[in-house]
Amino acid sequence: MRSSDLARLAGVSVRTLRHYHQIGLLPEPERSANGYRDYAASDLVRVLRVRRLADLGVPLARIDPSADLEDELTRLDEQYAEQIEELQVRRDMISALREHGTRVDTPAYAQRYLDALGRRQDLSPRSVETERDASVLLELLLDRKTLAELGALDDSAIAELADVTAALLGLGDDASDELIDAVADGLAAVFDRLQHTSDTPRLSREAADSLDDHVSRQLTAVQLAVVRRSTGRR
């Protein structure tokens, strides 16, 4: 059969057949008296095998139709399993956004915390947006396991975190030393609780610097001093 017939039966283009010749996947047959390549049924079987493996995701450079590709198929299976898991996480996030009517830019792990802040009368919308921005940054800096643990905090922990956040953001430059001490102690207690209820790892220096830069731009000098004091930084 001619190359056009082989290509049609195999569901590929003649150009693809030429590429297979060039990379050694398909031996070039002898030409007939009229100058056309004369392909046999065995060539069609070979092209069909190559196409099937390529459709499964095996790179052409790793395809050998006559070899055992069990290791390659195992690698692909593991790769696709990871992709499915990642896609399922995205679907779960979309489902949560739709169910709660939450803004698209709200990370799933921080949803209940930000909702709690939004219900407070002592916080301005701008303050809530500042916390939303911080949660977006943390989603980038923390690993998936840590984000899941933070998202699974119980209601009392969420309420405590919202209370101390409101107290911190409510501190003015004229706040008394007693009030500053109380807020700092409350914030330190929340940080300590989070460390004991979650396997949250320490941020890398680069991640910590990125978060610190964001916080320092949003908080007043008094508020920033309280945060650094609560986390053991001076």
Protein backbone atom coordinates (compact mmCIF):
# COMPACT_ATOMS: atom_id res chain seq x y z
CA MET A 1 0.00 0.00 0.00
CA ARG A 2 1.10 3.59 -0.58
CA SER A 3 1.94 6.06 2.18
CA SER A 4 -1.37 7.87 1.69
CA ASP A 5 -3.27 4.61 2.19
CA LEU A 6 -1.24 3.72 5.28
CA ALA A 7 -1.76 7.17 6.77
CA ARG A 8 -5.51 7.04 6.16
CA LEU A 9 -5.92 3.59 7.73
CA ALA A 10 -3.74 4.48 10.72
CA GLY A 11 -5.43 7.84 11.28
CA VAL A 12 -2.24 9.88 10.90
CA SER A 13 -0.84 12.21 8.29
CA VAL A 14 1.74 11.38 5.64
CA ARG A 15 3.96 13.97 7.32
CA THR A 16 3.71 11.98 10.55
CA LEU A 17 4.84 8.83 8.72
CA ARG A 18 7.86 10.71 7.42
CA HIS A 19 8.64 11.84 10.96
CA TYR A 20 8.42 8.24 12.17
CA HIS A 21 10.92 7.32 9.46
CA GLN A 22 13.29 10.09 10.55
CA ILE A 23 13.34 9.07 14.22
CA GLY A 24 13.55 5.35 13.54
CA LEU A 25 10.07 4.30 14.65
CA LEU A 26 9.07 3.06 11.19
CA PRO A 27 11.57 1.47 8.80
CA GLU A 28 11.41 2.84 5.27
CA PRO A 29 10.16 0.18 2.83
CA GLU A 30 11.59 -0.44 -0.59
CA ARG A 31 10.14 1.57 -3.43
CA SER A 32 8.17 -0.22 -6.12
CA ALA A 33 8.90 0.06 -9.84
CA ASN A 34 6.71 3.16 -10.09
CA GLY A 35 8.78 4.94 -7.43
CA TYR A 36 6.24 4.79 -4.59
CA ARG A 37 7.01 3.30 -1.19
CA ASP A 38 5.25 -0.03 -0.80
CA TYR A 39 4.05 -0.60 2.77
CA ALA A 40 2.97 -3.97 4.15
CA ALA A 41 0.28 -4.82 6.70
CA SER A 42 3.03 -5.21 9.31
CA ASP A 43 3.89 -1.53 8.82
CA LEU A 44 0.28 -0.60 9.53
CA VAL A 45 0.34 -2.67 12.73
CA ARG A 46 3.55 -0.93 13.81
CA VAL A 47 2.14 2.55 13.19
CA LEU A 48 -1.04 1.66 15.08
CA ARG A 49 1.04 0.51 18.06
CA VAL A 50 3.10 3.70 18.00
CA ARG A 51 -0.02 5.83 17.80
CA ARG A 52 -1.65 3.97 20.70
CA LEU A 53 1.39 4.49 22.92
CA ALA A 54 1.61 8.15 21.92
CA ASP A 55 -2.08 8.61 22.73
CA LEU A 56 -1.39 7.20 26.20
CA GLY A 57 1.25 9.88 26.69
CA VAL A 58 4.44 7.94 26.03
CA PRO A 59 6.99 10.33 24.45
CA LEU A 60 8.01 9.28 20.94
CA ALA A 61 11.64 9.18 22.04
CA ARG A 62 10.78 6.40 24.52
CA ILE A 63 8.59 4.32 22.25
CA ASP A 64 9.78 0.93 21.08
CA PRO A 65 6.79 -1.01 19.73
CA SER A 66 8.61 -4.31 20.21
CA ALA A 67 9.79 -3.68 23.80
CA ASP A 68 8.15 -4.14 27.20
CA LEU A 69 7.05 -0.68 28.34
CA GLU A 70 5.76 -1.67 31.78
CA ASP A 71 8.06 0.78 33.60
CA GLU A 72 7.01 3.60 31.30
CA LEU A 73 3.33 2.81 31.77
CA THR A 74 3.81 2.70 35.55
CA ARG A 75 5.42 6.14 35.43
CA LEU A 76 2.56 7.51 33.35
CA ASP A 77 -0.03 5.98 35.67
CA GLU A 78 1.57 7.66 38.69
CA GLN A 79 1.82 10.96 36.81
CA TYR A 80 -1.84 10.89 35.82
CA ALA A 81 -2.88 9.93 39.37
CA GLU A 82 -1.12 13.06 40.67
CA GLN A 83 -2.80 15.20 38.01
CA ILE A 84 -6.21 13.77 38.91
CA GLU A 85 -5.59 14.56 42.58
CA GLU A 86 -4.62 18.14 41.74
CA LEU A 87 -7.70 18.55 39.56
CA GLN A 88 -9.92 17.16 42.32
CA VAL A 89 -8.50 19.73 44.74
CA ARG A 90 -9.40 22.47 42.26
CA ARG A 91 -12.90 21.06 41.83
CA ASP A 92 -13.36 20.99 45.61
CA MET A 93 -12.27 24.63 45.80
CA ILE A 94 -14.73 25.61 43.06
CA SER A 95 -17.50 23.69 44.83
CA ALA A 96 -16.77 25.48 48.10
CA LEU A 97 -16.79 28.87 46.39
CA ARG A 98 -20.16 28.14 44.79
CA GLU A 99 -21.68 26.70 47.95
CA HIS A 100 -20.76 29.66 50.15
CA GLY A 101 -20.95 32.39 47.52
CA THR A 102 -17.37 33.32 48.35
CA ARG A 103 -15.24 35.58 46.19
CA VAL A 104 -12.98 33.78 43.74
CA ASP A 105 -9.86 35.36 45.24
CA THR A 106 -10.59 33.92 48.69
CA PRO A 107 -8.36 30.91 49.47
CA ALA A 108 -10.41 27.93 50.61
CA TYR A 109 -8.35 27.42 53.77
CA ALA A 110 -9.07 30.99 54.98
CA GLN A 111 -12.72 31.15 53.98
CA ARG A 112 -14.29 30.69 57.44
CA TYR A 113 -11.76 33.04 59.05
CA LEU A 114 -12.43 35.81 56.53
CA ASP A 115 -16.18 35.26 56.82
CA ALA A 116 -15.86 35.69 60.59
CA LEU A 117 -13.96 38.94 60.10
CA GLY A 118 -16.52 40.20 57.60
CA ARG A 119 -19.33 39.77 60.15
CA ARG A 120 -17.62 41.94 62.74
CA GLN A 121 -18.86 45.48 63.28
CA ASP A 122 -15.53 46.69 64.69
CA LEU A 123 -13.54 46.06 61.49
CA SER A 124 -13.58 48.18 58.36
CA PRO A 125 -13.94 46.57 54.91
CA ARG A 126 -10.39 47.72 54.19
CA SER A 127 -9.08 45.76 57.17
CA VAL A 128 -10.83 42.62 55.95
CA GLU A 129 -9.31 43.13 52.50
CA THR A 130 -5.87 43.44 54.08
CA GLU A 131 -6.35 40.06 55.73
CA ARG A 132 -7.64 38.60 52.47
CA ASP A 133 -4.47 39.74 50.71
CA ALA A 134 -2.35 38.15 53.44
CA SER A 135 -4.25 34.87 53.09
CA VAL A 136 -3.60 34.85 49.34
CA LEU A 137 0.11 35.31 50.01
CA LEU A 138 0.15 32.55 52.62
CA GLU A 139 -1.54 30.17 50.19
CA LEU A 140 1.46 30.62 47.92
CA LEU A 141 4.03 30.22 50.69
CA LEU A 142 2.62 27.23 52.61
CA ASP A 143 2.40 23.63 51.46
CA ARG A 144 -0.90 21.87 50.75
CA LYS A 145 -0.87 19.80 53.96
CA THR A 146 -0.42 22.88 56.13
CA LEU A 147 -3.18 24.75 54.30
CA ALA A 148 -5.54 21.81 54.84
CA GLU A 149 -4.75 21.80 58.57
CA LEU A 150 -5.39 25.53 58.85
CA GLY A 151 -8.65 25.15 56.95
CA ALA A 152 -9.74 22.41 59.38
CA LEU A 153 -9.37 24.53 62.54
CA ASP A 154 -12.42 24.26 64.78
CA ASP A 155 -14.89 27.11 65.23
CA SER A 156 -13.45 28.17 68.58
CA ALA A 157 -9.99 28.58 67.07
CA ILE A 158 -11.43 30.58 64.18
CA ALA A 159 -13.35 32.82 66.57
CA GLU A 160 -10.28 33.34 68.75
CA LEU A 161 -8.18 34.24 65.72
CA ALA A 162 -10.83 36.69 64.50
CA ASP A 163 -11.04 38.30 67.95
CA VAL A 164 -7.31 38.83 68.27
CA THR A 165 -7.07 40.11 64.68
CA ALA A 166 -9.78 42.67 65.37
CA ALA A 167 -8.02 43.72 68.57
CA LEU A 168 -4.72 44.10 66.74
CA LEU A 169 -6.16 46.13 63.86
CA GLY A 170 -8.03 48.29 66.34
CA LEU A 171 -4.85 49.44 68.08
CA GLY A 172 -4.21 53.13 67.55
CA ASP A 173 -1.00 55.05 67.99
CA ASP A 174 -2.32 56.33 71.32
CA ALA A 175 -3.10 52.85 72.70
CA SER A 176 -2.16 52.38 76.34
CA ASP A 177 0.66 50.09 77.39
CA GLU A 178 -1.85 47.87 79.17
CA LEU A 179 -3.93 47.42 76.01
CA ILE A 180 -0.83 46.76 73.89
CA ASP A 181 0.33 44.13 76.40
CA ALA A 182 -3.08 42.46 76.38
CA VAL A 183 -3.25 42.29 72.58
CA ALA A 184 0.33 41.03 72.32
CA ASP A 185 -0.35 38.29 74.88
CA GLY A 186 -3.54 37.29 73.09
CA LEU A 187 -1.80 37.15 69.73
CA ALA A 188 1.06 35.11 71.17
CA ALA A 189 -1.45 32.65 72.67
CA VAL A 190 -3.12 32.18 69.29
CA PHE A 191 0.22 31.60 67.57
CA ASP A 192 1.12 29.06 70.24
CA ARG A 193 -2.20 27.27 69.80
CA LEU A 194 -1.77 27.09 66.05
CA GLN A 195 1.68 25.60 66.48
CA HIS A 196 0.29 22.86 68.74
CA THR A 197 -2.84 22.03 66.75
CA SER A 198 -1.11 21.95 63.39
CA ASP A 199 2.13 20.66 61.96
CA THR A 200 2.66 24.07 60.42
CA PRO A 201 6.34 24.32 59.47
CA ARG A 202 8.48 27.38 59.86
CA LEU A 203 8.47 29.53 56.77
CA SER A 204 11.65 29.72 54.76
CA ARG A 205 13.62 32.95 55.06
CA GLU A 206 12.41 34.07 51.62
CA ALA A 207 8.79 33.30 52.47
CA ALA A 208 9.04 34.98 55.86
CA ASP A 209 10.55 38.09 54.28
CA SER A 210 7.75 38.25 51.68
CA LEU A 211 5.08 38.00 54.35
CA ASP A 212 6.88 40.48 56.60
CA ASP A 213 7.06 42.98 53.73
CA HIS A 214 3.31 42.72 53.16
CA VAL A 215 2.50 43.04 56.87
CA SER A 216 4.85 45.98 57.40
CA ARG A 217 3.18 47.89 54.57
CA GLN A 218 -0.33 47.36 55.96
CA LEU A 219 0.09 47.80 59.72
CA THR A 220 0.92 50.86 61.76
CA ALA A 221 4.17 51.02 63.70
CA VAL A 222 2.38 50.09 66.93
CA GLN A 223 0.54 47.15 65.34
CA LEU A 224 3.69 45.88 63.65
CA ALA A 225 5.62 46.03 66.93
CA VAL A 226 2.91 43.93 68.59
CA VAL A 227 3.08 41.29 65.84
CA ARG A 228 6.85 41.03 66.05
CA ARG A 229 6.74 40.89 69.81
CA SER A 230 4.13 38.12 69.71
CA THR A 231 6.18 36.02 67.31
CA GLY A 232 9.41 36.51 69.24
CA ARG A 233 10.88 38.98 66.74
CA ARG A 234 12.27 42.34 67.79
